[in-house]
Amino acid sequence: MSLGTGIVLFVIGAILAFAVNVQVSWINLDLVGYILMAAGIIMVILGIVLISRRRSSVVSSRSGVDPVTGERVERQVSSSDDPVV
């Protein structure tokens, strides 16, 4: 989601900075365009970092009876796939 948002911000900023030739007295549209383009680049970089750090985890549980004591035993094992950095 952040990749798409970053691309949209960058495109809107580029349109405001380079394609719109409207002069408004109370706001500089070129500056707003450059700010949106910078925010878009930051969002894309953040999205790539978050996607590369995404982890998957597997949780499995087993239950049974201990043959020696007769008590019920539950065991949970969890593992995660960490990317090599």
PDB file of N, CA and C in Angstrom:
ATOM      1  N   MET A   1       0.816  -1.187   0.000  1.00  0.00           N
ATOM      2  CA  MET A   1       0.000   0.000   0.000  1.00  0.00           C
ATOM      3  C   MET A   1       0.861   1.253   0.000  1.00  0.00           C
ATOM      4  N   SER A   2       1.971   1.219   0.714  1.00  0.00           N
ATOM      5  CA  SER A   2       2.806   2.416   0.764  1.00  0.00           C
ATOM      6  C   SER A   2       3.528   2.656  -0.554  1.00  0.00           C
ATOM      7  N   LEU A   3       3.792   1.605  -1.313  1.00  0.00           N
ATOM      8  CA  LEU A   3       4.402   1.803  -2.627  1.00  0.00           C
ATOM      9  C   LEU A   3       3.452   2.556  -3.548  1.00  0.00           C
ATOM     10  N   GLY A   4       2.210   2.132  -3.574  1.00  0.00           N
ATOM     11  CA  GLY A   4       1.214   2.804  -4.410  1.00  0.00           C
ATOM     12  C   GLY A   4       0.976   4.236  -3.985  1.00  0.00           C
ATOM     13  N   THR A   5       0.910   4.458  -2.694  1.00  0.00           N
ATOM     14  CA  THR A   5       0.716   5.813  -2.176  1.00  0.00           C
ATOM     15  C   THR A   5       1.899   6.705  -2.543  1.00  0.00           C
ATOM     16  N   GLY A   6       3.095   6.173  -2.437  1.00  0.00           N
ATOM     17  CA  GLY A   6       4.277   6.942  -2.798  1.00  0.00           C
ATOM     18  C   GLY A   6       4.301   7.304  -4.272  1.00  0.00           C
ATOM     19  N   ILE A   7       3.907   6.363  -5.131  1.00  0.00           N
ATOM     20  CA  ILE A   7       3.869   6.641  -6.563  1.00  0.00           C
ATOM     21  C   ILE A   7       2.821   7.698  -6.874  1.00  0.00           C
ATOM     22  N   VAL A   8       1.658   7.589  -6.246  1.00  0.00           N
ATOM     23  CA  VAL A   8       0.592   8.578  -6.470  1.00  0.00           C
ATOM     24  C   VAL A   8       1.032   9.956  -6.012  1.00  0.00           C
ATOM     25  N   LEU A   9       1.657  10.052  -4.847  1.00  0.00           N
ATOM     26  CA  LEU A   9       2.149  11.348  -4.366  1.00  0.00           C
ATOM     27  C   LEU A   9       3.182  11.933  -5.322  1.00  0.00           C
ATOM     28  N   PHE A  10       4.071  11.086  -5.819  1.00  0.00           N
ATOM     29  CA  PHE A  10       5.092  11.567  -6.737  1.00  0.00           C
ATOM     30  C   PHE A  10       4.474  12.079  -8.038  1.00  0.00           C
ATOM     31  N   VAL A  11       3.503  11.354  -8.571  1.00  0.00           N
ATOM     32  CA  VAL A  11       2.868  11.757  -9.826  1.00  0.00           C
ATOM     33  C   VAL A  11       2.093  13.067  -9.652  1.00  0.00           C
ATOM     34  N   ILE A  12       1.328  13.180  -8.566  1.00  0.00           N
ATOM     35  CA  ILE A  12       0.586  14.424  -8.323  1.00  0.00           C
ATOM     36  C   ILE A  12       1.551  15.594  -8.138  1.00  0.00           C
ATOM     37  N   GLY A  13       2.644  15.356  -7.426  1.00  0.00           N
ATOM     38  CA  GLY A  13       3.644  16.406  -7.239  1.00  0.00           C
ATOM     39  C   GLY A  13       4.290  16.823  -8.550  1.00  0.00           C
ATOM     40  N   ALA A  14       4.585  15.842  -9.417  1.00  0.00           N
ATOM     41  CA  ALA A  14       5.183  16.177 -10.712  1.00  0.00           C
ATOM     42  C   ALA A  14       4.207  16.966 -11.582  1.00  0.00           C
ATOM     43  N   ILE A  15       2.948  16.611 -11.523  1.00  0.00           N
ATOM     44  CA  ILE A  15       1.944  17.361 -12.289  1.00  0.00           C
ATOM     45  C   ILE A  15       1.862  18.797 -11.784  1.00  0.00           C
ATOM     46  N   LEU A  16       1.838  18.966 -10.467  1.00  0.00           N
ATOM     47  CA  LEU A  16       1.775  20.323  -9.917  1.00  0.00           C
ATOM     48  C   LEU A  16       3.033  21.124 -10.222  1.00  0.00           C
ATOM     49  N   ALA A  17       4.190  20.469 -10.168  1.00  0.00           N
ATOM     50  CA  ALA A  17       5.446  21.195 -10.356  1.00  0.00           C
ATOM     51  C   ALA A  17       5.730  21.523 -11.813  1.00  0.00           C
ATOM     52  N   PHE A  18       5.380  20.620 -12.732  1.00  0.00           N
ATOM     53  CA  PHE A  18       5.821  20.796 -14.111  1.00  0.00           C
ATOM     54  C   PHE A  18       4.700  21.068 -15.115  1.00  0.00           C
ATOM     55  N   ALA A  19       3.476  20.664 -14.833  1.00  0.00           N
ATOM     56  CA  ALA A  19       2.430  20.761 -15.848  1.00  0.00           C
ATOM     57  C   ALA A  19       1.404  21.850 -15.583  1.00  0.00           C
ATOM     58  N   VAL A  20       1.260  22.281 -14.378  1.00  0.00           N
ATOM     59  CA  VAL A  20       0.254  23.293 -14.059  1.00  0.00           C
ATOM     60  C   VAL A  20       0.901  24.662 -14.113  1.00  0.00           C
ATOM     61  N   ASN A  21       0.335  25.537 -14.932  1.00  0.00           N
ATOM     62  CA  ASN A  21       0.867  26.900 -15.074  1.00  0.00           C
ATOM     63  C   ASN A  21      -0.121  27.928 -14.520  1.00  0.00           C
ATOM     64  N   VAL A  22      -0.619  27.674 -13.340  1.00  0.00           N
ATOM     65  CA  VAL A  22      -1.581  28.568 -12.707  1.00  0.00           C
ATOM     66  C   VAL A  22      -0.857  29.312 -11.593  1.00  0.00           C
ATOM     67  N   GLN A  23      -1.036  30.613 -11.535  1.00  0.00           N
ATOM     68  CA  GLN A  23      -0.456  31.419 -10.471  1.00  0.00           C
ATOM     69  C   GLN A  23      -1.532  31.728  -9.437  1.00  0.00           C
ATOM     70  N   VAL A  24      -1.305  31.262  -8.232  1.00  0.00           N
ATOM     71  CA  VAL A  24      -2.214  31.522  -7.123  1.00  0.00           C
ATOM     72  C   VAL A  24      -1.456  32.406  -6.145  1.00  0.00           C
ATOM     73  N   SER A  25      -2.105  33.455  -5.662  1.00  0.00           N
ATOM     74  CA  SER A  25      -1.401  34.424  -4.824  1.00  0.00           C
ATOM     75  C   SER A  25      -1.089  33.894  -3.424  1.00  0.00           C
ATOM     76  N   TRP A  26      -1.852  32.956  -2.922  1.00  0.00           N
ATOM     77  CA  TRP A  26      -1.676  32.536  -1.539  1.00  0.00           C
ATOM     78  C   TRP A  26      -0.900  31.229  -1.389  1.00  0.00           C
ATOM     79  N   ILE A  27      -0.500  30.560  -2.501  1.00  0.00           N
ATOM     80  CA  ILE A  27       0.274  29.326  -2.403  1.00  0.00           C
ATOM     81  C   ILE A  27       1.145  29.174  -3.642  1.00  0.00           C
ATOM     82  N   ASN A  28       2.311  28.630  -3.456  1.00  0.00           N
ATOM     83  CA  ASN A  28       3.218  28.361  -4.562  1.00  0.00           C
ATOM     84  C   ASN A  28       3.038  26.896  -4.969  1.00  0.00           C
ATOM     85  N   LEU A  29       2.387  26.662  -6.093  1.00  0.00           N
ATOM     86  CA  LEU A  29       2.092  25.292  -6.524  1.00  0.00           C
ATOM     87  C   LEU A  29       3.349  24.520  -6.913  1.00  0.00           C
ATOM     88  N   ASP A  30       4.382  25.206  -7.393  1.00  0.00           N
ATOM     89  CA  ASP A  30       5.636  24.520  -7.696  1.00  0.00           C
ATOM     90  C   ASP A  30       6.257  23.927  -6.431  1.00  0.00           C
ATOM     91  N   LEU A  31       6.257  24.716  -5.354  1.00  0.00           N
ATOM     92  CA  LEU A  31       6.815  24.236  -4.089  1.00  0.00           C
ATOM     93  C   LEU A  31       6.007  23.072  -3.540  1.00  0.00           C
ATOM     94  N   VAL A  32       4.688  23.164  -3.617  1.00  0.00           N
ATOM     95  CA  VAL A  32       3.830  22.066  -3.165  1.00  0.00           C
ATOM     96  C   VAL A  32       4.117  20.802  -3.987  1.00  0.00           C
ATOM     97  N   GLY A  33       4.322  20.965  -5.276  1.00  0.00           N
ATOM     98  CA  GLY A  33       4.648  19.830  -6.132  1.00  0.00           C
ATOM     99  C   GLY A  33       5.956  19.173  -5.737  1.00  0.00           C
ATOM    100  N   TYR A  34       6.982  19.993  -5.479  1.00  0.00           N
ATOM    101  CA  TYR A  34       8.270  19.435  -5.065  1.00  0.00           C
ATOM    102  C   TYR A  34       8.162  18.728  -3.710  1.00  0.00           C
ATOM    103  N   ILE A  35       7.384  19.287  -2.801  1.00  0.00           N
ATOM    104  CA  ILE A  35       7.195  18.654  -1.488  1.00  0.00           C
ATOM    105  C   ILE A  35       6.480  17.314  -1.653  1.00  0.00           C
ATOM    106  N   LEU A  36       5.452  17.267  -2.496  1.00  0.00           N
ATOM    107  CA  LEU A  36       4.749  16.006  -2.728  1.00  0.00           C
ATOM    108  C   LEU A  36       5.651  14.974  -3.405  1.00  0.00           C
ATOM    109  N   MET A  37       6.502  15.409  -4.312  1.00  0.00           N
ATOM    110  CA  MET A  37       7.425  14.477  -4.953  1.00  0.00           C
ATOM    111  C   MET A  37       8.422  13.914  -3.934  1.00  0.00           C
ATOM    112  N   ALA A  38       8.912  14.746  -3.043  1.00  0.00           N
ATOM    113  CA  ALA A  38       9.829  14.267  -1.993  1.00  0.00           C
ATOM    114  C   ALA A  38       9.128  13.291  -1.054  1.00  0.00           C
ATOM    115  N   ALA A  39       7.890  13.615  -0.692  1.00  0.00           N
ATOM    116  CA  ALA A  39       7.129  12.713   0.173  1.00  0.00           C
ATOM    117  C   ALA A  39       6.867  11.376  -0.539  1.00  0.00           C
ATOM    118  N   GLY A  40       6.623  11.427  -1.842  1.00  0.00           N
ATOM    119  CA  GLY A  40       6.426  10.197  -2.607  1.00  0.00           C
ATOM    120  C   GLY A  40       7.662   9.332  -2.635  1.00  0.00           C
ATOM    121  N   ILE A  41       8.814   9.944  -2.818  1.00  0.00           N
ATOM    122  CA  ILE A  41      10.069   9.184  -2.815  1.00  0.00           C
ATOM    123  C   ILE A  41      10.301   8.546  -1.453  1.00  0.00           C
ATOM    124  N   ILE A  42      10.046   9.296  -0.383  1.00  0.00           N
ATOM    125  CA  ILE A  42      10.212   8.751   0.967  1.00  0.00           C
ATOM    126  C   ILE A  42       9.261   7.580   1.196  1.00  0.00           C
ATOM    127  N   MET A  43       8.013   7.697   0.724  1.00  0.00           N
ATOM    128  CA  MET A  43       7.035   6.612   0.894  1.00  0.00           C
ATOM    129  C   MET A  43       7.455   5.358   0.123  1.00  0.00           C
ATOM    130  N   VAL A  44       7.987   5.529  -1.076  1.00  0.00           N
ATOM    131  CA  VAL A  44       8.425   4.372  -1.857  1.00  0.00           C
ATOM    132  C   VAL A  44       9.590   3.681  -1.161  1.00  0.00           C
ATOM    133  N   ILE A  45      10.559   4.450  -0.680  1.00  0.00           N
ATOM    134  CA  ILE A  45      11.701   3.862   0.027  1.00  0.00           C
ATOM    135  C   ILE A  45      11.238   3.156   1.287  1.00  0.00           C
ATOM    136  N   LEU A  46      10.339   3.777   2.040  1.00  0.00           N
ATOM    137  CA  LEU A  46       9.801   3.157   3.252  1.00  0.00           C
ATOM    138  C   LEU A  46       9.047   1.872   2.916  1.00  0.00           C
ATOM    139  N   GLY A  47       8.287   1.878   1.842  1.00  0.00           N
ATOM    140  CA  GLY A  47       7.556   0.689   1.430  1.00  0.00           C
ATOM    141  C   GLY A  47       8.476  -0.452   1.068  1.00  0.00           C
ATOM    142  N   ILE A  48       9.573  -0.147   0.367  1.00  0.00           N
ATOM    143  CA  ILE A  48      10.530  -1.191   0.006  1.00  0.00           C
ATOM    144  C   ILE A  48      11.184  -1.772   1.249  1.00  0.00           C
ATOM    145  N   VAL A  49      11.536  -0.913   2.209  1.00  0.00           N
ATOM    146  CA  VAL A  49      12.143  -1.392   3.453  1.00  0.00           C
ATOM    147  C   VAL A  49      11.166  -2.274   4.219  1.00  0.00           C
ATOM    148  N   LEU A  50       9.908  -1.859   4.307  1.00  0.00           N
ATOM    149  CA  LEU A  50       8.928  -2.649   5.045  1.00  0.00           C
ATOM    150  C   LEU A  50       8.635  -3.985   4.371  1.00  0.00           C
ATOM    151  N   ILE A  51       8.610  -4.007   3.054  1.00  0.00           N
ATOM    152  CA  ILE A  51       8.377  -5.264   2.350  1.00  0.00           C
ATOM    153  C   ILE A  51       9.558  -6.210   2.549  1.00  0.00           C
ATOM    154  N   SER A  52      10.779  -5.683   2.541  1.00  0.00           N
ATOM    155  CA  SER A  52      11.941  -6.552   2.707  1.00  0.00           C
ATOM    156  C   SER A  52      12.074  -7.083   4.125  1.00  0.00           C
ATOM    157  N   ARG A  53      11.472  -6.387   5.089  1.00  0.00           N
ATOM    158  CA  ARG A  53      11.558  -6.844   6.484  1.00  0.00           C
ATOM    159  C   ARG A  53      10.383  -7.699   6.917  1.00  0.00           C
ATOM    160  N   ARG A  54       9.435  -7.903   6.013  1.00  0.00           N
ATOM    161  CA  ARG A  54       8.259  -8.682   6.373  1.00  0.00           C
ATOM    162  C   ARG A  54       8.666 -10.102   6.753  1.00  0.00           C
ATOM    163  N   ARG A  55       8.100 -10.592   7.806  1.00  0.00           N
ATOM    164  CA  ARG A  55       8.442 -11.923   8.298  1.00  0.00           C
ATOM    165  C   ARG A  55       7.232 -12.833   8.207  1.00  0.00           C
ATOM    166  N   SER A  56       7.517 -14.075   7.960  1.00  0.00           N
ATOM    167  CA  SER A  56       6.441 -15.059   8.009  1.00  0.00           C
ATOM    168  C   SER A  56       6.713 -15.978   9.186  1.00  0.00           C
ATOM    169  N   SER A  57       5.683 -16.328   9.893  1.00  0.00           N
ATOM    170  CA  SER A  57       5.868 -17.188  11.055  1.00  0.00           C
ATOM    171  C   SER A  57       4.924 -18.380  10.967  1.00  0.00           C
ATOM    172  N   VAL A  58       5.393 -19.479  11.490  1.00  0.00           N
ATOM    173  CA  VAL A  58       4.625 -20.713  11.507  1.00  0.00           C
ATOM    174  C   VAL A  58       4.519 -21.162  12.963  1.00  0.00           C
ATOM    175  N   VAL A  59       3.314 -21.405  13.403  1.00  0.00           N
ATOM    176  CA  VAL A  59       3.093 -21.873  14.763  1.00  0.00           C
ATOM    177  C   VAL A  59       2.402 -23.215  14.684  1.00  0.00           C
ATOM    178  N   SER A  60       2.984 -24.190  15.351  1.00  0.00           N
ATOM    179  CA  SER A  60       2.348 -25.512  15.391  1.00  0.00           C
ATOM    180  C   SER A  60       2.251 -25.947  16.845  1.00  0.00           C
ATOM    181  N   SER A  61       1.188 -26.615  17.153  1.00  0.00           N
ATOM    182  CA  SER A  61       1.020 -27.069  18.532  1.00  0.00           C
ATOM    183  C   SER A  61       0.682 -28.559  18.531  1.00  0.00           C
ATOM    184  N   ARG A  62       1.168 -29.225  19.550  1.00  0.00           N
ATOM    185  CA  ARG A  62       0.898 -30.651  19.731  1.00  0.00           C
ATOM    186  C   ARG A  62       0.426 -30.857  21.157  1.00  0.00           C
ATOM    187  N   SER A  63      -0.478 -31.730  21.306  1.00  0.00           N
ATOM    188  CA  SER A  63      -0.917 -32.062  22.659  1.00  0.00           C
ATOM    189  C   SER A  63      -0.949 -33.580  22.786  1.00  0.00           C
ATOM    190  N   GLY A  64      -0.705 -34.028  23.961  1.00  0.00           N
ATOM    191  CA  GLY A  64      -0.685 -35.466  24.205  1.00  0.00           C
ATOM    192  C   GLY A  64      -0.613 -35.737  25.691  1.00  0.00           C
ATOM    193  N   VAL A  65      -0.405 -36.978  26.022  1.00  0.00           N
ATOM    194  CA  VAL A  65      -0.333 -37.396  27.416  1.00  0.00           C
ATOM    195  C   VAL A  65       1.052 -37.954  27.670  1.00  0.00           C
ATOM    196  N   ASP A  66       1.667 -37.470  28.751  1.00  0.00           N
ATOM    197  CA  ASP A  66       2.974 -37.965  29.144  1.00  0.00           C
ATOM    198  C   ASP A  66       2.818 -39.389  29.645  1.00  0.00           C
ATOM    199  N   PRO A  67       3.539 -40.363  29.052  1.00  0.00           N
ATOM    200  CA  PRO A  67       3.342 -41.754  29.455  1.00  0.00           C
ATOM    201  C   PRO A  67       3.830 -42.065  30.864  1.00  0.00           C
ATOM    202  N   VAL A  68       4.759 -41.281  31.387  1.00  0.00           N
ATOM    203  CA  VAL A  68       5.301 -41.564  32.706  1.00  0.00           C
ATOM    204  C   VAL A  68       4.386 -41.044  33.803  1.00  0.00           C
ATOM    205  N   THR A  69       3.978 -39.778  33.687  1.00  0.00           N
ATOM    206  CA  THR A  69       3.191 -39.171  34.759  1.00  0.00           C
ATOM    207  C   THR A  69       1.697 -39.183  34.473  1.00  0.00           C
ATOM    208  N   GLY A  70       1.313 -39.360  33.241  1.00  0.00           N
ATOM    209  CA  GLY A  70      -0.099 -39.359  32.881  1.00  0.00           C
ATOM    210  C   GLY A  70      -0.691 -37.967  32.764  1.00  0.00           C
ATOM    211  N   GLU A  71       0.151 -36.957  32.810  1.00  0.00           N
ATOM    212  CA  GLU A  71      -0.330 -35.585  32.690  1.00  0.00           C
ATOM    213  C   GLU A  71      -0.463 -35.192  31.223  1.00  0.00           C
ATOM    214  N   ARG A  72      -1.390 -34.278  30.979  1.00  0.00           N
ATOM    215  CA  ARG A  72      -1.572 -33.767  29.622  1.00  0.00           C
ATOM    216  C   ARG A  72      -0.467 -32.751  29.324  1.00  0.00           C
ATOM    217  N   VAL A  73       0.144 -32.875  28.174  1.00  0.00           N
ATOM    218  CA  VAL A  73       1.266 -32.027  27.788  1.00  0.00           C
ATOM    219  C   VAL A  73       0.913 -31.320  26.490  1.00  0.00           C
ATOM    220  N   GLU A  74       1.116 -29.998  26.475  1.00  0.00           N
ATOM    221  CA  GLU A  74       0.928 -29.233  25.257  1.00  0.00           C
ATOM    222  C   GLU A  74       2.258 -28.584  24.901  1.00  0.00           C
ATOM    223  N   ARG A  75       2.572 -28.623  23.618  1.00  0.00           N
ATOM    224  CA  ARG A  75       3.831 -28.074  23.159  1.00  0.00           C
ATOM    225  C   ARG A  75       3.561 -27.186  21.952  1.00  0.00           C
ATOM    226  N   GLN A  76       4.100 -25.973  21.994  1.00  0.00           N
ATOM    227  CA  GLN A  76       3.955 -25.058  20.870  1.00  0.00           C
ATOM    228  C   GLN A  76       5.340 -24.716  20.339  1.00  0.00           C
ATOM    229  N   VAL A  77       5.458 -24.792  19.034  1.00  0.00           N
ATOM    230  CA  VAL A  77       6.716 -24.478  18.378  1.00  0.00           C
ATOM    231  C   VAL A  77       6.441 -23.353  17.396  1.00  0.00           C
ATOM    232  N   SER A  78       7.232 -22.326  17.455  1.00  0.00           N
ATOM    233  CA  SER A  78       7.061 -21.229  16.505  1.00  0.00           C
ATOM    234  C   SER A  78       8.390 -20.974  15.830  1.00  0.00           C
ATOM    235  N   SER A  79       8.335 -20.689  14.546  1.00  0.00           N
ATOM    236  CA  SER A  79       9.530 -20.365  13.794  1.00  0.00           C
ATOM    237  C   SER A  79       9.204 -19.237  12.849  1.00  0.00           C
ATOM    238  N   SER A  80      10.219 -18.471  12.501  1.00  0.00           N
ATOM    239  CA  SER A  80      10.020 -17.365  11.572  1.00  0.00           C
ATOM    240  C   SER A  80      11.124 -17.392  10.544  1.00  0.00           C
ATOM    241  N   ASP A  81      10.809 -16.917   9.363  1.00  0.00           N
ATOM    242  CA  ASP A  81      11.790 -16.823   8.284  1.00  0.00           C
ATOM    243  C   ASP A  81      12.318 -15.413   8.258  1.00  0.00           C
ATOM    244  N   ASP A  82      13.497 -15.211   8.800  1.00  0.00           N
ATOM    245  CA  ASP A  82      14.112 -13.877   8.803  1.00  0.00           C
ATOM    246  C   ASP A  82      14.984 -13.736   7.570  1.00  0.00           C
ATOM    247  N   PRO A  83      14.871 -12.608   6.867  1.00  0.00           N
ATOM    248  CA  PRO A  83      15.756 -12.406   5.725  1.00  0.00           C
ATOM    249  C   PRO A  83      17.180 -12.176   6.187  1.00  0.00           C
ATOM    250  N   VAL A  84      18.124 -12.623   5.424  1.00  0.00           N
ATOM    251  CA  VAL A  84      19.530 -12.431   5.744  1.00  0.00           C
ATOM    252  C   VAL A  84      19.906 -11.009   5.368  1.00  0.00           C
ATOM    253  N   VAL A  85      20.433 -10.280   6.362  1.00  0.00           N
ATOM    254  CA  VAL A  85      20.776  -8.878   6.121  1.00  0.00           C
ATOM    255  C   VAL A  85      22.265  -8.744   6.020  1.00  0.00           C
TER     256      VAL A  85
END
